[in-house]
Amino acid sequence: MSKPTRLVLIRHGESRVTVARVIGGSRTCTGLSELGVRQAEALRDRLTATGELDGADVLVSSTLPRARETAEIVAPALGGLPVEEIDDLREHDPGEADGLSFDEFVERYGSPDLEQDPYLPLSPGGESLAGFHVRAATALHALVRANEGRTVVVACHGGVIDAALRSFLRLPAVGAFDLFTKNTALTELVRAPSGRWRLLRYNDAAHLAGLPEATPPPGR
């Protein structure tokens, strides 16, 4: 009997740009905050103690520093796996809004309703929600096709996890649910013998007990 394909998604730790209330895209992301480092270390210590991801085969991160740093901190608990970067697993591209404060974004572009118009770019030069979902889901499906029967761990972003659930579980593209994945939480899917994907856990952040609450993103 062939081994199941497991996909374990880790949202990055708290980022410096979130604490600074800045939109942090590929040009301006500056990595993890002090709390974000502690969150990733707590996850590493948990995985070392429990062995729940022992035997993981692949460790991947997006190209944004906050995801890469999270993967690097967790790697020792996964047997020191090297971190492979995949650019298409980065968060929703904000375009020219990259680096603006949240308040500056609202002053310049208002509050676009991407649920109502998923084809509207976040700002000029940026992605629409629909385009982002296609980009992220395409990268994830390519990743699991290349790793049939293996356990793949991905340090990524809340939006990528949202796209993964919508795609692998065959859910509506927009509007059906509102997710808020905690920093460094584990979300795990496995492909059943039928070929369909099953959600084993979502937002598993037990290792954050005792740590301060993270700074919420805008709108939370």
N, C-alpha and C. Protein backbone atom coordinates (compact mmCIF):
# COMPACT_ATOMS: atom_id res chain seq x y z
N MET A 1 0.86 -1.20 0.00
CA MET A 1 0.00 0.00 0.00
C MET A 1 0.89 1.24 0.00
N SER A 2 0.64 2.18 -0.90
CA SER A 2 1.46 3.37 -1.00
C SER A 2 1.21 4.31 0.18
N LYS A 3 2.23 5.08 0.50
CA LYS A 3 2.11 6.04 1.61
C LYS A 3 1.22 7.20 1.18
N PRO A 4 0.49 7.77 2.13
CA PRO A 4 -0.34 8.94 1.79
C PRO A 4 0.53 10.17 1.58
N THR A 5 0.02 11.08 0.80
CA THR A 5 0.67 12.38 0.63
C THR A 5 0.13 13.32 1.69
N ARG A 6 1.02 13.88 2.50
CA ARG A 6 0.63 14.80 3.57
C ARG A 6 1.14 16.19 3.24
N LEU A 7 0.30 17.18 3.44
CA LEU A 7 0.66 18.58 3.23
C LEU A 7 0.42 19.31 4.54
N VAL A 8 1.51 19.78 5.16
CA VAL A 8 1.43 20.48 6.43
C VAL A 8 1.81 21.94 6.19
N LEU A 9 0.86 22.82 6.43
CA LEU A 9 1.04 24.25 6.19
C LEU A 9 1.25 24.97 7.52
N ILE A 10 2.30 25.78 7.58
CA ILE A 10 2.61 26.56 8.78
C ILE A 10 2.52 28.04 8.42
N ARG A 11 1.64 28.75 9.09
CA ARG A 11 1.66 30.20 8.88
C ARG A 11 2.89 30.77 9.59
N HIS A 12 3.52 31.74 8.97
CA HIS A 12 4.72 32.36 9.55
C HIS A 12 4.44 32.97 10.92
N GLY A 13 5.50 33.22 11.68
CA GLY A 13 5.36 33.93 12.95
C GLY A 13 4.99 35.39 12.74
N GLU A 14 4.65 36.05 13.84
CA GLU A 14 4.30 37.47 13.75
C GLU A 14 5.41 38.23 13.04
N SER A 15 5.03 39.12 12.13
CA SER A 15 6.00 39.86 11.32
C SER A 15 6.20 41.28 11.85
N ARG A 16 7.35 41.82 11.53
CA ARG A 16 7.63 43.21 11.91
C ARG A 16 6.69 44.18 11.22
N VAL A 17 6.34 43.89 9.96
CA VAL A 17 5.47 44.82 9.25
C VAL A 17 4.07 44.87 9.86
N THR A 18 3.58 43.75 10.37
CA THR A 18 2.26 43.76 11.01
C THR A 18 2.31 44.61 12.28
N VAL A 19 3.36 44.45 13.06
CA VAL A 19 3.51 45.25 14.29
C VAL A 19 3.58 46.74 13.94
N ALA A 20 4.28 47.06 12.86
CA ALA A 20 4.43 48.46 12.43
C ALA A 20 3.21 48.98 11.68
N ARG A 21 2.20 48.10 11.45
CA ARG A 21 0.97 48.45 10.73
C ARG A 21 1.29 48.91 9.30
N VAL A 22 2.14 48.12 8.64
CA VAL A 22 2.60 48.40 7.29
C VAL A 22 2.26 47.21 6.40
N ILE A 23 1.92 47.47 5.15
CA ILE A 23 1.68 46.41 4.18
C ILE A 23 3.04 45.92 3.69
N GLY A 24 3.38 44.70 4.02
CA GLY A 24 4.72 44.17 3.73
C GLY A 24 4.71 43.17 2.60
N GLY A 25 5.01 43.61 1.40
CA GLY A 25 5.13 42.72 0.26
C GLY A 25 6.57 42.31 0.04
N SER A 26 6.88 41.88 -1.16
CA SER A 26 8.21 41.34 -1.44
C SER A 26 9.31 42.40 -1.34
N ARG A 27 8.97 43.67 -1.50
CA ARG A 27 9.99 44.71 -1.43
C ARG A 27 10.25 45.19 -0.01
N THR A 28 9.29 45.03 0.89
CA THR A 28 9.43 45.69 2.19
C THR A 28 9.31 44.76 3.40
N CYS A 29 9.04 43.47 3.19
CA CYS A 29 8.98 42.56 4.34
C CYS A 29 10.35 42.51 5.01
N THR A 30 10.37 42.67 6.33
CA THR A 30 11.63 42.68 7.08
C THR A 30 11.72 41.52 8.08
N GLY A 31 10.92 40.49 7.86
CA GLY A 31 11.06 39.29 8.67
C GLY A 31 10.22 39.31 9.93
N LEU A 32 10.62 38.47 10.87
CA LEU A 32 9.85 38.23 12.09
C LEU A 32 10.11 39.27 13.17
N SER A 33 9.07 39.57 13.92
CA SER A 33 9.23 40.37 15.13
C SER A 33 9.86 39.50 16.22
N GLU A 34 10.20 40.11 17.34
CA GLU A 34 10.74 39.34 18.46
C GLU A 34 9.75 38.27 18.90
N LEU A 35 8.46 38.64 18.97
CA LEU A 35 7.45 37.66 19.33
C LEU A 35 7.34 36.58 18.26
N GLY A 36 7.44 36.97 16.99
CA GLY A 36 7.38 35.99 15.91
C GLY A 36 8.47 34.94 16.01
N VAL A 37 9.67 35.36 16.40
CA VAL A 37 10.76 34.41 16.62
C VAL A 37 10.41 33.45 17.76
N ARG A 38 9.88 34.01 18.84
CA ARG A 38 9.50 33.16 19.97
C ARG A 38 8.40 32.17 19.59
N GLN A 39 7.46 32.59 18.76
CA GLN A 39 6.40 31.69 18.31
C GLN A 39 6.98 30.52 17.50
N ALA A 40 7.89 30.85 16.58
CA ALA A 40 8.51 29.80 15.76
C ALA A 40 9.35 28.86 16.62
N GLU A 41 10.03 29.41 17.61
CA GLU A 41 10.81 28.57 18.51
C GLU A 41 9.92 27.65 19.33
N ALA A 42 8.77 28.18 19.72
CA ALA A 42 7.81 27.35 20.47
C ALA A 42 7.31 26.19 19.61
N LEU A 43 7.06 26.46 18.33
CA LEU A 43 6.65 25.38 17.43
C LEU A 43 7.77 24.38 17.26
N ARG A 44 8.99 24.86 17.06
CA ARG A 44 10.14 23.95 16.94
C ARG A 44 10.25 23.05 18.15
N ASP A 45 10.15 23.64 19.35
CA ASP A 45 10.28 22.86 20.58
C ASP A 45 9.15 21.83 20.69
N ARG A 46 7.95 22.24 20.30
CA ARG A 46 6.83 21.30 20.33
C ARG A 46 7.07 20.11 19.40
N LEU A 47 7.48 20.40 18.16
CA LEU A 47 7.70 19.33 17.20
C LEU A 47 8.84 18.41 17.62
N THR A 48 9.85 18.98 18.25
CA THR A 48 10.95 18.16 18.76
C THR A 48 10.46 17.22 19.85
N ALA A 49 9.61 17.74 20.73
CA ALA A 49 9.13 16.95 21.87
C ALA A 49 8.13 15.89 21.44
N THR A 50 7.24 16.23 20.51
CA THR A 50 6.17 15.29 20.14
C THR A 50 6.55 14.36 19.00
N GLY A 51 7.47 14.79 18.15
CA GLY A 51 7.82 13.97 16.99
C GLY A 51 6.70 13.83 15.98
N GLU A 52 5.71 14.74 16.04
CA GLU A 52 4.52 14.57 15.20
C GLU A 52 4.80 14.76 13.71
N LEU A 53 5.92 15.41 13.38
CA LEU A 53 6.29 15.53 11.97
C LEU A 53 7.62 14.83 11.68
N ASP A 54 7.99 13.88 12.53
CA ASP A 54 9.18 13.07 12.24
C ASP A 54 9.01 12.37 10.90
N GLY A 55 10.06 12.31 10.15
CA GLY A 55 9.98 11.67 8.84
C GLY A 55 9.52 12.60 7.73
N ALA A 56 9.34 13.89 8.03
CA ALA A 56 9.00 14.84 6.97
C ALA A 56 10.06 14.77 5.88
N ASP A 57 9.64 14.88 4.64
CA ASP A 57 10.54 14.70 3.51
C ASP A 57 11.01 16.00 2.88
N VAL A 58 10.17 17.03 2.92
CA VAL A 58 10.46 18.27 2.20
C VAL A 58 10.04 19.44 3.08
N LEU A 59 10.88 20.48 3.11
CA LEU A 59 10.55 21.72 3.82
C LEU A 59 10.65 22.87 2.83
N VAL A 60 9.55 23.57 2.66
CA VAL A 60 9.44 24.62 1.66
C VAL A 60 9.01 25.91 2.36
N SER A 61 9.43 27.04 1.82
CA SER A 61 8.90 28.31 2.30
C SER A 61 8.64 29.22 1.12
N SER A 62 7.84 30.25 1.36
CA SER A 62 7.72 31.31 0.37
C SER A 62 9.02 32.12 0.38
N THR A 63 9.13 33.03 -0.56
CA THR A 63 10.34 33.84 -0.65
C THR A 63 10.32 35.06 0.28
N LEU A 64 9.21 35.31 0.97
CA LEU A 64 9.17 36.45 1.89
C LEU A 64 9.94 36.12 3.16
N PRO A 65 10.72 37.08 3.67
CA PRO A 65 11.58 36.79 4.83
C PRO A 65 10.85 36.23 6.04
N ARG A 66 9.61 36.67 6.28
CA ARG A 66 8.91 36.19 7.47
C ARG A 66 8.61 34.69 7.39
N ALA A 67 8.38 34.19 6.18
CA ALA A 67 8.16 32.75 6.01
C ALA A 67 9.48 31.99 6.03
N ARG A 68 10.49 32.53 5.35
CA ARG A 68 11.80 31.88 5.31
C ARG A 68 12.38 31.75 6.72
N GLU A 69 12.31 32.80 7.51
CA GLU A 69 12.84 32.74 8.88
C GLU A 69 12.09 31.70 9.71
N THR A 70 10.78 31.63 9.55
CA THR A 70 10.00 30.63 10.27
C THR A 70 10.47 29.23 9.92
N ALA A 71 10.64 28.96 8.63
CA ALA A 71 11.10 27.64 8.19
C ALA A 71 12.48 27.32 8.75
N GLU A 72 13.37 28.29 8.74
CA GLU A 72 14.72 28.04 9.23
C GLU A 72 14.75 27.73 10.73
N ILE A 73 13.87 28.38 11.49
CA ILE A 73 13.82 28.12 12.93
C ILE A 73 13.25 26.72 13.20
N VAL A 74 12.27 26.32 12.41
CA VAL A 74 11.60 25.02 12.63
C VAL A 74 12.43 23.86 12.09
N ALA A 75 13.31 24.11 11.13
CA ALA A 75 14.04 23.05 10.43
C ALA A 75 14.73 22.04 11.35
N PRO A 76 15.38 22.44 12.46
CA PRO A 76 16.04 21.44 13.30
C PRO A 76 15.09 20.37 13.84
N ALA A 77 13.80 20.70 14.01
CA ALA A 77 12.83 19.72 14.49
C ALA A 77 12.40 18.76 13.38
N LEU A 78 12.82 19.05 12.15
CA LEU A 78 12.47 18.22 11.00
C LEU A 78 13.72 17.54 10.45
N GLY A 79 14.65 17.26 11.32
CA GLY A 79 15.86 16.57 10.91
C GLY A 79 16.84 17.44 10.15
N GLY A 80 16.70 18.76 10.30
CA GLY A 80 17.62 19.67 9.60
C GLY A 80 17.40 19.73 8.10
N LEU A 81 16.17 19.50 7.66
CA LEU A 81 15.87 19.57 6.22
C LEU A 81 16.28 20.94 5.65
N PRO A 82 16.84 20.97 4.45
CA PRO A 82 17.11 22.26 3.81
C PRO A 82 15.81 22.94 3.44
N VAL A 83 15.83 24.26 3.41
CA VAL A 83 14.64 25.03 3.07
C VAL A 83 14.67 25.36 1.58
N GLU A 84 13.65 24.92 0.86
CA GLU A 84 13.49 25.24 -0.56
C GLU A 84 12.49 26.38 -0.68
N GLU A 85 12.86 27.44 -1.38
CA GLU A 85 11.96 28.58 -1.57
C GLU A 85 11.16 28.44 -2.86
N ILE A 86 9.88 28.77 -2.78
CA ILE A 86 9.02 28.81 -3.96
C ILE A 86 8.34 30.18 -3.98
N ASP A 87 8.66 30.98 -4.98
CA ASP A 87 8.18 32.36 -5.03
C ASP A 87 6.66 32.44 -5.12
N ASP A 88 6.04 31.50 -5.82
CA ASP A 88 4.59 31.57 -6.01
C ASP A 88 3.80 31.24 -4.74
N LEU A 89 4.49 30.92 -3.65
CA LEU A 89 3.81 30.70 -2.37
C LEU A 89 3.86 31.93 -1.47
N ARG A 90 4.27 33.07 -2.02
CA ARG A 90 4.25 34.30 -1.24
C ARG A 90 2.82 34.81 -1.11
N GLU A 91 2.62 35.74 -0.19
CA GLU A 91 1.30 36.30 0.07
C GLU A 91 0.82 37.14 -1.11
N HIS A 92 -0.47 37.47 -1.09
CA HIS A 92 -1.14 38.34 -2.06
C HIS A 92 -0.26 39.56 -2.35
N ASP A 93 0.09 39.77 -3.61
CA ASP A 93 0.99 40.86 -4.00
C ASP A 93 0.25 42.20 -3.93
N PRO A 94 0.73 43.13 -3.08
CA PRO A 94 0.02 44.41 -2.92
C PRO A 94 0.32 45.44 -3.99
N GLY A 95 1.25 45.14 -4.92
CA GLY A 95 1.56 46.11 -5.96
C GLY A 95 2.20 47.37 -5.39
N GLU A 96 1.77 48.53 -5.88
CA GLU A 96 2.40 49.78 -5.45
C GLU A 96 2.05 50.15 -4.01
N ALA A 97 1.13 49.42 -3.39
CA ALA A 97 0.82 49.66 -1.98
C ALA A 97 1.87 49.06 -1.05
N ASP A 98 2.79 48.29 -1.59
CA ASP A 98 3.85 47.67 -0.78
C ASP A 98 4.61 48.74 -0.01
N GLY A 99 4.62 48.62 1.31
CA GLY A 99 5.33 49.57 2.15
C GLY A 99 4.48 50.69 2.73
N LEU A 100 3.24 50.83 2.25
CA LEU A 100 2.36 51.84 2.82
C LEU A 100 1.86 51.39 4.19
N SER A 101 1.60 52.37 5.05
CA SER A 101 0.91 52.03 6.29
C SER A 101 -0.53 51.68 5.95
N PHE A 102 -1.19 51.00 6.88
CA PHE A 102 -2.59 50.65 6.65
C PHE A 102 -3.43 51.91 6.45
N ASP A 103 -3.17 52.94 7.24
CA ASP A 103 -3.93 54.18 7.11
C ASP A 103 -3.67 54.85 5.76
N GLU A 104 -2.41 54.84 5.32
CA GLU A 104 -2.09 55.43 4.01
C GLU A 104 -2.79 54.67 2.89
N PHE A 105 -2.88 53.35 3.02
CA PHE A 105 -3.56 52.57 2.00
C PHE A 105 -5.02 53.00 1.87
N VAL A 106 -5.70 53.14 3.01
CA VAL A 106 -7.11 53.52 2.99
C VAL A 106 -7.28 54.92 2.40
N GLU A 107 -6.38 55.85 2.77
CA GLU A 107 -6.45 57.20 2.24
C GLU A 107 -6.30 57.21 0.71
N ARG A 108 -5.42 56.36 0.21
CA ARG A 108 -5.10 56.37 -1.22
C ARG A 108 -6.07 55.54 -2.06
N TYR A 109 -6.49 54.39 -1.52
CA TYR A 109 -7.27 53.45 -2.33
C TYR A 109 -8.64 53.10 -1.76
N GLY A 110 -8.97 53.65 -0.60
CA GLY A 110 -10.23 53.30 0.04
C GLY A 110 -10.16 51.92 0.65
N SER A 111 -11.30 51.27 0.76
CA SER A 111 -11.38 49.92 1.33
C SER A 111 -12.02 48.99 0.30
N PRO A 112 -11.23 48.52 -0.68
CA PRO A 112 -11.80 47.68 -1.74
C PRO A 112 -12.40 46.39 -1.19
N ASP A 113 -13.54 46.02 -1.69
CA ASP A 113 -14.22 44.80 -1.26
C ASP A 113 -13.87 43.69 -2.25
N LEU A 114 -12.82 42.95 -1.93
CA LEU A 114 -12.34 41.92 -2.84
C LEU A 114 -13.24 40.70 -2.87
N GLU A 115 -14.07 40.53 -1.84
CA GLU A 115 -15.05 39.45 -1.88
C GLU A 115 -16.12 39.73 -2.93
N GLN A 116 -16.53 40.99 -3.02
CA GLN A 116 -17.53 41.36 -4.02
C GLN A 116 -16.95 41.40 -5.43
N ASP A 117 -15.70 41.81 -5.54
CA ASP A 117 -15.05 41.89 -6.85
C ASP A 117 -13.68 41.22 -6.76
N PRO A 118 -13.62 39.89 -6.87
CA PRO A 118 -12.35 39.18 -6.72
C PRO A 118 -11.37 39.42 -7.87
N TYR A 119 -11.80 40.15 -8.90
CA TYR A 119 -10.93 40.44 -10.04
C TYR A 119 -10.33 41.85 -9.96
N LEU A 120 -10.57 42.53 -8.86
CA LEU A 120 -10.04 43.88 -8.65
C LEU A 120 -8.65 43.79 -8.04
N PRO A 121 -7.63 44.37 -8.67
CA PRO A 121 -6.29 44.36 -8.06
C PRO A 121 -6.31 45.10 -6.72
N LEU A 122 -5.47 44.64 -5.78
CA LEU A 122 -5.41 45.28 -4.48
C LEU A 122 -4.99 46.73 -4.61
N SER A 123 -4.06 47.01 -5.52
CA SER A 123 -3.67 48.37 -5.90
C SER A 123 -3.03 48.27 -7.28
N PRO A 124 -2.77 49.38 -7.97
CA PRO A 124 -2.13 49.29 -9.28
C PRO A 124 -0.84 48.46 -9.23
N GLY A 125 -0.72 47.53 -10.16
CA GLY A 125 0.44 46.65 -10.19
C GLY A 125 0.33 45.46 -9.28
N GLY A 126 -0.75 45.37 -8.51
CA GLY A 126 -0.94 44.27 -7.59
C GLY A 126 -1.84 43.20 -8.16
N GLU A 127 -2.07 42.17 -7.34
CA GLU A 127 -2.89 41.05 -7.76
C GLU A 127 -4.34 41.23 -7.33
N SER A 128 -5.22 40.63 -8.09
CA SER A 128 -6.59 40.45 -7.63
C SER A 128 -6.63 39.24 -6.71
N LEU A 129 -7.71 39.12 -5.95
CA LEU A 129 -7.86 37.95 -5.09
C LEU A 129 -7.94 36.68 -5.93
N ALA A 130 -8.67 36.74 -7.04
CA ALA A 130 -8.79 35.57 -7.91
C ALA A 130 -7.44 35.17 -8.48
N GLY A 131 -6.67 36.14 -8.92
CA GLY A 131 -5.35 35.85 -9.48
C GLY A 131 -4.41 35.26 -8.44
N PHE A 132 -4.47 35.79 -7.24
CA PHE A 132 -3.64 35.26 -6.15
C PHE A 132 -4.00 33.81 -5.85
N HIS A 133 -5.30 33.51 -5.75
CA HIS A 133 -5.71 32.15 -5.46
C HIS A 133 -5.24 31.17 -6.54
N VAL A 134 -5.34 31.57 -7.79
CA VAL A 134 -4.87 30.70 -8.87
C VAL A 134 -3.37 30.48 -8.76
N ARG A 135 -2.62 31.54 -8.53
CA ARG A 135 -1.16 31.43 -8.44
C ARG A 135 -0.73 30.53 -7.29
N ALA A 136 -1.31 30.74 -6.10
CA ALA A 136 -0.91 29.96 -4.93
C ALA A 136 -1.36 28.50 -5.06
N ALA A 137 -2.59 28.28 -5.49
CA ALA A 137 -3.09 26.91 -5.61
C ALA A 137 -2.34 26.14 -6.68
N THR A 138 -2.00 26.79 -7.79
CA THR A 138 -1.22 26.13 -8.83
C THR A 138 0.12 25.66 -8.29
N ALA A 139 0.79 26.51 -7.51
CA ALA A 139 2.08 26.15 -6.93
C ALA A 139 1.95 24.99 -5.95
N LEU A 140 0.90 24.99 -5.14
CA LEU A 140 0.71 23.92 -4.17
C LEU A 140 0.42 22.60 -4.85
N HIS A 141 -0.43 22.61 -5.87
CA HIS A 141 -0.73 21.37 -6.59
C HIS A 141 0.51 20.82 -7.29
N ALA A 142 1.32 21.70 -7.86
CA ALA A 142 2.57 21.25 -8.49
C ALA A 142 3.50 20.64 -7.45
N LEU A 143 3.53 21.22 -6.27
CA LEU A 143 4.40 20.73 -5.21
C LEU A 143 3.99 19.33 -4.77
N VAL A 144 2.71 19.09 -4.57
CA VAL A 144 2.30 17.76 -4.12
C VAL A 144 2.40 16.73 -5.24
N ARG A 145 2.20 17.15 -6.48
CA ARG A 145 2.39 16.20 -7.60
C ARG A 145 3.83 15.72 -7.65
N ALA A 146 4.76 16.63 -7.35
CA ALA A 146 6.18 16.28 -7.40
C ALA A 146 6.62 15.48 -6.18
N ASN A 147 5.75 15.36 -5.17
CA ASN A 147 6.12 14.70 -3.93
C ASN A 147 5.07 13.67 -3.51
N GLU A 148 4.62 12.89 -4.47
CA GLU A 148 3.63 11.86 -4.21
C GLU A 148 4.10 10.91 -3.12
N GLY A 149 3.24 10.66 -2.11
CA GLY A 149 3.57 9.72 -1.06
C GLY A 149 4.55 10.25 -0.02
N ARG A 150 4.77 11.55 -0.01
CA ARG A 150 5.73 12.14 0.92
C ARG A 150 5.01 13.13 1.85
N THR A 151 5.71 13.53 2.89
CA THR A 151 5.21 14.56 3.81
C THR A 151 5.90 15.87 3.48
N VAL A 152 5.12 16.84 3.07
CA VAL A 152 5.63 18.14 2.63
C VAL A 152 5.21 19.20 3.65
N VAL A 153 6.17 19.92 4.18
CA VAL A 153 5.91 20.98 5.16
C VAL A 153 6.19 22.32 4.49
N VAL A 154 5.24 23.24 4.61
CA VAL A 154 5.33 24.52 3.91
C VAL A 154 5.15 25.67 4.89
N ALA A 155 6.14 26.53 5.02
CA ALA A 155 6.01 27.77 5.81
C ALA A 155 5.52 28.85 4.86
N CYS A 156 4.33 29.37 5.13
CA CYS A 156 3.74 30.29 4.16
C CYS A 156 2.91 31.36 4.86
N HIS A 157 1.74 31.65 4.35
CA HIS A 157 0.96 32.82 4.76
C HIS A 157 -0.51 32.47 4.90
N GLY A 158 -1.22 33.30 5.66
CA GLY A 158 -2.64 33.05 5.87
C GLY A 158 -3.42 32.97 4.58
N GLY A 159 -3.11 33.85 3.62
CA GLY A 159 -3.81 33.82 2.35
C GLY A 159 -3.54 32.55 1.57
N VAL A 160 -2.32 32.03 1.65
CA VAL A 160 -1.98 30.80 0.95
C VAL A 160 -2.72 29.62 1.57
N ILE A 161 -2.83 29.62 2.90
CA ILE A 161 -3.58 28.55 3.57
C ILE A 161 -5.06 28.62 3.19
N ASP A 162 -5.60 29.81 3.12
CA ASP A 162 -6.97 30.00 2.65
C ASP A 162 -7.14 29.41 1.25
N ALA A 163 -6.22 29.76 0.34
CA ALA A 163 -6.29 29.26 -1.03
C ALA A 163 -6.18 27.74 -1.07
N ALA A 164 -5.33 27.16 -0.21
CA ALA A 164 -5.16 25.71 -0.17
C ALA A 164 -6.45 25.02 0.24
N LEU A 165 -7.10 25.52 1.27
CA LEU A 165 -8.34 24.89 1.73
C LEU A 165 -9.43 24.99 0.67
N ARG A 166 -9.54 26.14 0.05
CA ARG A 166 -10.57 26.31 -0.98
C ARG A 166 -10.31 25.38 -2.17
N SER A 167 -9.04 25.21 -2.54
CA SER A 167 -8.72 24.41 -3.71
C SER A 167 -8.77 22.91 -3.41
N PHE A 168 -8.05 22.46 -2.40
CA PHE A 168 -7.96 21.02 -2.13
C PHE A 168 -9.28 20.44 -1.62
N LEU A 169 -10.05 21.25 -0.88
CA LEU A 169 -11.32 20.75 -0.35
C LEU A 169 -12.50 21.09 -1.25
N ARG A 170 -12.23 21.69 -2.40
CA ARG A 170 -13.25 22.00 -3.40
C ARG A 170 -14.35 22.90 -2.84
N LEU A 171 -13.91 23.97 -2.19
CA LEU A 171 -14.83 24.93 -1.60
C LEU A 171 -14.98 26.14 -2.53
N PRO A 172 -16.00 26.96 -2.31
CA PRO A 172 -16.17 28.14 -3.16
C PRO A 172 -14.95 29.05 -3.11
N ALA A 173 -14.67 29.72 -4.20
CA ALA A 173 -13.47 30.55 -4.31
C ALA A 173 -13.48 31.73 -3.34
N VAL A 174 -14.64 32.33 -3.11
CA VAL A 174 -14.74 33.47 -2.20
C VAL A 174 -16.06 33.40 -1.46
N GLY A 175 -16.10 34.06 -0.31
CA GLY A 175 -17.37 34.36 0.33
C GLY A 175 -17.97 33.32 1.24
N ALA A 176 -17.47 32.07 1.23
CA ALA A 176 -18.16 31.03 1.99
C ALA A 176 -17.76 30.99 3.45
N PHE A 177 -16.54 31.43 3.77
CA PHE A 177 -16.10 31.38 5.16
C PHE A 177 -15.03 32.45 5.38
N ASP A 178 -14.79 32.73 6.63
CA ASP A 178 -13.83 33.76 7.00
C ASP A 178 -12.79 33.12 7.91
N LEU A 179 -11.58 32.96 7.41
CA LEU A 179 -10.53 32.30 8.17
C LEU A 179 -9.63 33.31 8.86
N PHE A 180 -9.11 32.92 10.00
CA PHE A 180 -8.02 33.68 10.61
C PHE A 180 -7.05 32.69 11.22
N THR A 181 -6.03 32.34 10.44
CA THR A 181 -5.03 31.38 10.88
C THR A 181 -4.02 32.07 11.78
N LYS A 182 -3.79 31.53 12.95
CA LYS A 182 -2.86 32.13 13.90
C LYS A 182 -1.42 31.96 13.44
N ASN A 183 -0.56 32.84 13.90
CA ASN A 183 0.86 32.74 13.58
C ASN A 183 1.42 31.41 14.06
N THR A 184 2.16 30.74 13.20
CA THR A 184 2.83 29.44 13.41
C THR A 184 1.86 28.29 13.66
N ALA A 185 0.57 28.49 13.42
CA ALA A 185 -0.39 27.39 13.56
C ALA A 185 -0.17 26.36 12.45
N LEU A 186 -0.50 25.11 12.77
CA LEU A 186 -0.40 24.00 11.83
C LEU A 186 -1.75 23.72 11.19
N THR A 187 -1.74 23.56 9.88
CA THR A 187 -2.91 23.10 9.14
C THR A 187 -2.45 21.91 8.31
N GLU A 188 -3.14 20.79 8.42
CA GLU A 188 -2.67 19.57 7.76
C GLU A 188 -3.77 18.94 6.91
N LEU A 189 -3.40 18.62 5.68
CA LEU A 189 -4.28 17.89 4.77
C LEU A 189 -3.59 16.60 4.34
N VAL A 190 -4.37 15.57 4.06
CA VAL A 190 -3.84 14.31 3.58
C VAL A 190 -4.71 13.84 2.42
N ARG A 191 -4.06 13.24 1.42
CA ARG A 191 -4.82 12.73 0.30
C ARG A 191 -5.26 11.30 0.60
N ALA A 192 -6.56 11.08 0.56
CA ALA A 192 -7.14 9.77 0.87
C ALA A 192 -6.92 8.82 -0.29
N PRO A 193 -7.10 7.49 -0.08
CA PRO A 193 -6.97 6.53 -1.17
C PRO A 193 -7.89 6.84 -2.35
N SER A 194 -9.01 7.49 -2.07
CA SER A 194 -9.94 7.87 -3.14
C SER A 194 -9.37 8.95 -4.05
N GLY A 195 -8.29 9.58 -3.61
CA GLY A 195 -7.72 10.69 -4.36
C GLY A 195 -8.18 12.04 -3.86
N ARG A 196 -9.19 12.06 -3.00
CA ARG A 196 -9.68 13.32 -2.44
C ARG A 196 -8.84 13.70 -1.22
N TRP A 197 -8.80 15.00 -0.99
CA TRP A 197 -8.04 15.51 0.15
C TRP A 197 -8.94 15.63 1.36
N ARG A 198 -8.38 15.34 2.54
CA ARG A 198 -9.09 15.48 3.81
C ARG A 198 -8.33 16.46 4.70
N LEU A 199 -9.09 17.26 5.42
CA LEU A 199 -8.50 18.17 6.40
C LEU A 199 -8.37 17.45 7.73
N LEU A 200 -7.13 17.27 8.19
CA LEU A 200 -6.90 16.60 9.47
C LEU A 200 -6.90 17.57 10.64
N ARG A 201 -6.38 18.77 10.42
CA ARG A 201 -6.40 19.79 11.47
C ARG A 201 -6.22 21.16 10.83
N TYR A 202 -6.81 22.14 11.50
CA TYR A 202 -6.69 23.53 11.06
C TYR A 202 -6.43 24.41 12.28
N ASN A 203 -5.47 25.33 12.14
CA ASN A 203 -5.21 26.35 13.17
C ASN A 203 -4.78 25.73 14.50
N ASP A 204 -3.98 24.68 14.44
CA ASP A 204 -3.47 24.00 15.63
C ASP A 204 -2.30 24.82 16.18
N ALA A 205 -2.57 25.58 17.23
CA ALA A 205 -1.57 26.50 17.79
C ALA A 205 -1.40 26.27 19.29
N ALA A 206 -1.48 25.02 19.73
CA ALA A 206 -1.37 24.72 21.15
C ALA A 206 -0.05 25.18 21.75
N HIS A 207 0.99 25.23 20.92
CA HIS A 207 2.32 25.63 21.40
C HIS A 207 2.40 27.12 21.76
N LEU A 208 1.40 27.89 21.40
CA LEU A 208 1.43 29.32 21.71
C LEU A 208 0.88 29.63 23.11
N ALA A 209 0.41 28.63 23.81
CA ALA A 209 -0.10 28.86 25.16
C ALA A 209 0.99 29.47 26.02
N GLY A 210 0.64 30.56 26.70
CA GLY A 210 1.60 31.23 27.57
C GLY A 210 2.35 32.37 26.90
N LEU A 211 2.27 32.48 25.56
CA LEU A 211 2.91 33.59 24.87
C LEU A 211 1.93 34.76 24.75
N PRO A 212 2.45 35.98 24.63
CA PRO A 212 1.55 37.13 24.44
C PRO A 212 0.75 36.99 23.14
N GLU A 213 -0.38 37.67 23.10
CA GLU A 213 -1.19 37.69 21.89
C GLU A 213 -0.45 38.47 20.79
N ALA A 214 -0.54 37.97 19.57
CA ALA A 214 0.09 38.65 18.44
C ALA A 214 -0.72 39.87 18.05
N THR A 215 -0.06 40.81 17.36
CA THR A 215 -0.75 41.98 16.81
C THR A 215 -1.67 41.53 15.69
N PRO A 216 -2.95 41.85 15.75
CA PRO A 216 -3.88 41.41 14.71
C PRO A 216 -3.66 42.19 13.42
N PRO A 217 -3.95 41.57 12.26
CA PRO A 217 -3.90 42.30 10.99
C PRO A 217 -5.07 43.27 10.93
N PRO A 218 -5.10 44.17 9.93
CA PRO A 218 -6.20 45.11 9.82
C PRO A 218 -7.53 44.40 9.67
N GLY A 219 -8.56 44.97 10.29
CA GLY A 219 -9.89 44.38 10.19
C GLY A 219 -10.18 43.31 11.21
N ARG A 220 -9.22 43.02 12.10
CA ARG A 220 -9.43 41.99 13.12
C ARG A 220 -9.51 42.64 14.50
